[in-house]
Amino acid sequence: MDPGGCPETSAPNARHLGAPEALQNPGGPGAPGAPGAPEPHEALGAPGAPEISGGPGGPVARGGPEGAPGSVGSCGVFVYEERVGLVEAEEKQQQQQQEKQQQKKKEKQQQQQQVKQQQQQQEKQQLQQQEKQQQKKMGKEKQTERCGENQMKLLQRLMTLTPEAPESPGASEALAAP
């Protein structure tokens, strides 16, 4: 290549072109080439400007200490287990409340049944007492009736047994006495 940078005028190429003058007059120096386009990394900043970058990194962020087992921790398993535990505790409370309510209902029903039974027993006893009283009254009436009937029968017998005799003072008294 010649100093001008033109390949057609260089010595070996001149033979091919068939130009003898080219060998005798190699030509002057060529014009300087245009400066090339800047590299992409050079276009980012002005020449000589310091490179802008982030500051030094801060301390590495780390999670807090893990919670006790069963409490809300950094792991989702603990959160799930705690929620399951809370749900189970709520269900257990509800069951206990339902059982208490059922026991109260049962106790109330038993009390009501006992009260009913007591009332029925009292009514039965009252009826029995009333019947006994009625039977006593009827028994007394029957006794008085029987006594009266017996007295009448005795009087009739006496009348038939004794001939009509003059009344003695003791006979009328014996007949009148029960």
Protein backbone atom coordinates (compact mmCIF):
# COMPACT_ATOMS: atom_id res chain seq x y z
CA MET A 1 0.00 0.00 0.00
CA ASP A 2 1.21 3.46 -0.70
CA PRO A 3 1.56 6.12 2.00
CA GLY A 4 -1.65 7.76 0.82
CA GLY A 5 -3.57 4.63 1.58
CA CYS A 6 -4.92 4.11 -1.95
CA PRO A 7 -4.71 0.46 -3.00
CA GLU A 8 -4.99 1.06 -6.76
CA THR A 9 -1.77 3.04 -6.93
CA SER A 10 0.38 0.70 -4.95
CA ALA A 11 3.32 -0.83 -6.75
CA PRO A 12 2.15 -4.40 -7.13
CA ASN A 13 -1.29 -3.30 -8.25
CA ALA A 14 0.10 -0.94 -10.83
CA ARG A 15 1.28 -3.82 -13.00
CA HIS A 16 -2.18 -5.14 -13.23
CA LEU A 17 -3.59 -1.78 -14.19
CA GLY A 18 -0.96 -1.35 -16.81
CA ALA A 19 0.00 2.15 -15.82
CA PRO A 20 3.80 2.68 -16.07
CA GLU A 21 3.46 6.24 -14.79
CA ALA A 22 2.25 4.93 -11.55
CA LEU A 23 5.59 3.31 -11.00
CA GLN A 24 7.48 6.45 -11.79
CA ASN A 25 5.21 8.88 -9.91
CA PRO A 26 3.95 7.19 -6.81
CA GLY A 27 1.89 10.24 -5.79
CA GLY A 28 1.81 12.41 -2.73
CA PRO A 29 0.68 11.70 0.66
CA GLY A 30 -3.06 11.16 0.93
CA ALA A 31 -5.47 13.23 3.02
CA PRO A 32 -5.83 12.13 6.54
CA GLY A 33 -8.84 9.94 7.18
CA ALA A 34 -11.89 11.24 8.97
CA PRO A 35 -12.02 10.36 12.61
CA GLY A 36 -14.11 7.28 13.22
CA ALA A 37 -17.39 7.31 15.04
CA PRO A 38 -17.00 7.07 18.80
CA GLU A 39 -17.46 3.71 20.38
CA PRO A 40 -20.86 3.26 22.01
CA HIS A 41 -19.41 3.23 25.54
CA GLU A 42 -17.61 6.52 24.89
CA ALA A 43 -20.84 8.27 23.88
CA LEU A 44 -22.35 7.86 27.34
CA GLY A 45 -20.48 10.61 29.04
CA ALA A 46 -18.39 13.62 28.25
CA PRO A 47 -14.70 12.91 27.83
CA GLY A 48 -12.98 12.84 31.13
CA ALA A 49 -16.22 12.73 33.17
CA PRO A 50 -16.10 10.23 35.96
CA GLU A 51 -18.30 7.22 35.57
CA ILE A 52 -21.56 7.49 37.54
CA SER A 53 -22.39 4.40 39.48
CA GLY A 54 -24.37 3.43 42.51
CA GLY A 55 -22.85 3.82 45.91
CA PRO A 56 -21.44 1.00 47.87
CA GLY A 57 -24.04 -1.63 48.81
CA GLY A 58 -25.67 -1.43 52.19
CA PRO A 59 -25.84 -4.22 54.71
CA VAL A 60 -27.67 -7.34 53.62
CA ALA A 61 -31.25 -7.36 54.91
CA ARG A 62 -32.10 -10.42 56.93
CA GLY A 63 -35.33 -11.68 58.44
CA GLY A 64 -36.02 -11.35 62.13
CA PRO A 65 -35.72 -14.22 64.53
CA GLU A 66 -38.08 -17.09 63.97
CA GLY A 67 -41.09 -17.26 66.21
CA ALA A 68 -41.83 -20.04 68.62
CA PRO A 69 -43.34 -23.19 67.09
CA GLY A 70 -46.97 -22.68 66.29
CA SER A 71 -46.68 -18.88 66.14
CA VAL A 72 -46.52 -16.69 63.08
CA GLY A 73 -43.02 -17.18 61.73
CA SER A 74 -41.21 -16.54 58.51
CA CYS A 75 -42.35 -19.86 57.09
CA GLY A 76 -45.84 -20.33 55.69
CA VAL A 77 -46.09 -23.72 57.40
CA PHE A 78 -46.11 -22.09 60.82
CA VAL A 79 -48.79 -19.64 59.70
CA TYR A 80 -50.88 -22.50 58.34
CA GLU A 81 -50.41 -24.56 61.49
CA GLU A 82 -51.34 -21.60 63.68
CA ARG A 83 -54.48 -20.93 61.65
CA VAL A 84 -55.42 -24.58 61.80
CA GLY A 85 -54.83 -24.49 65.54
CA LEU A 86 -57.03 -21.40 65.91
CA VAL A 87 -59.80 -22.99 63.85
CA GLU A 88 -59.60 -26.17 65.92
CA ALA A 89 -59.74 -24.16 69.14
CA GLU A 90 -62.82 -22.26 67.90
CA GLU A 91 -64.51 -25.51 66.87
CA LYS A 92 -63.73 -27.02 70.27
CA GLN A 93 -65.22 -23.99 72.04
CA GLN A 94 -68.35 -24.22 69.91
CA GLN A 95 -68.69 -27.92 70.70
CA GLN A 96 -68.29 -27.24 74.41
CA GLN A 97 -70.91 -24.50 74.27
CA GLN A 98 -73.30 -26.79 72.41
CA GLU A 99 -72.72 -29.54 74.95
CA LYS A 100 -73.37 -27.11 77.80
CA GLN A 101 -76.57 -25.93 76.15
CA GLN A 102 -77.69 -29.51 75.63
CA GLN A 103 -76.94 -30.35 79.25
CA LYS A 104 -78.91 -27.30 80.38
CA LYS A 105 -81.82 -28.35 78.17
CA LYS A 106 -81.69 -31.89 79.54
CA GLU A 107 -81.58 -30.62 83.12
CA LYS A 108 -84.47 -28.28 82.43
CA GLN A 109 -86.48 -31.10 80.87
CA GLN A 110 -85.71 -33.36 83.83
CA GLN A 111 -86.80 -30.65 86.25
CA GLN A 112 -90.01 -30.13 84.29
CA GLN A 113 -90.64 -33.87 84.30
CA GLN A 114 -90.01 -34.03 88.03
CA VAL A 115 -92.39 -31.15 88.62
CA LYS A 116 -95.03 -32.85 86.47
CA GLN A 117 -94.54 -36.13 88.30
CA GLN A 118 -94.81 -34.39 91.66
CA GLN A 119 -97.98 -32.62 90.55
CA GLN A 120 -99.43 -35.90 89.31
CA GLN A 121 -98.53 -37.62 92.57
CA GLN A 122 -100.09 -34.80 94.58
CA GLU A 123 -103.25 -34.92 92.49
CA LYS A 124 -103.37 -38.69 92.86
CA GLN A 125 -102.92 -38.45 96.62
CA GLN A 126 -105.61 -35.80 96.83
CA LEU A 127 -107.98 -37.98 94.84
CA GLN A 128 -107.19 -40.96 97.04
CA GLN A 129 -107.80 -38.88 100.17
CA GLN A 130 -111.07 -37.60 98.78
CA GLU A 131 -112.14 -41.16 97.97
CA LYS A 132 -111.22 -42.31 101.47
CA GLN A 133 -113.15 -39.45 102.99
CA GLN A 134 -116.15 -40.27 100.84
CA GLN A 135 -115.90 -43.92 101.77
CA LYS A 136 -115.74 -42.97 105.46
CA LYS A 137 -118.80 -40.81 105.08
CA MET A 138 -120.61 -43.53 103.23
CA GLY A 139 -119.48 -46.06 105.82
CA LYS A 140 -120.84 -43.90 108.64
CA GLU A 141 -124.09 -43.44 106.78
CA LYS A 142 -124.33 -47.15 106.19
CA GLN A 143 -123.57 -47.80 109.82
CA THR A 144 -126.27 -45.40 110.92
CA GLU A 145 -128.64 -46.98 108.42
CA ARG A 146 -127.72 -50.42 109.62
CA CYS A 147 -128.05 -49.36 113.22
CA GLY A 148 -131.46 -47.92 112.49
CA GLU A 149 -132.49 -51.04 110.58
CA ASN A 150 -131.17 -53.26 113.35
CA GLN A 151 -133.05 -51.28 115.94
CA MET A 152 -136.25 -51.55 113.92
CA LYS A 153 -135.80 -55.28 113.52
CA LEU A 154 -135.17 -55.69 117.23
CA LEU A 155 -138.23 -53.69 118.08
CA GLN A 156 -140.30 -55.75 115.69
CA ARG A 157 -139.02 -58.97 117.23
CA LEU A 158 -139.64 -57.72 120.68
CA MET A 159 -143.14 -56.81 119.70
CA THR A 160 -143.74 -60.23 118.28
CA LEU A 161 -142.09 -62.07 121.12
CA THR A 162 -143.74 -60.31 123.96
CA PRO A 163 -147.48 -60.68 124.35
CA GLU A 164 -149.32 -57.58 124.99
CA ALA A 165 -148.82 -57.37 128.61
CA PRO A 166 -149.22 -54.48 130.85
CA GLU A 167 -146.29 -52.31 130.38
CA SER A 168 -143.85 -52.40 133.10
CA PRO A 169 -141.88 -49.29 133.79
CA GLY A 170 -138.55 -50.94 132.68
CA ALA A 171 -139.88 -52.37 129.43
CA SER A 172 -140.56 -49.08 127.77
CA GLU A 173 -137.15 -47.86 128.74
CA ALA A 174 -135.49 -50.98 127.33
CA LEU A 175 -137.32 -50.52 124.06
CA ALA A 176 -136.39 -46.87 123.79
CA ALA A 177 -132.72 -47.39 124.54
CA PRO A 178 -130.55 -48.16 121.58
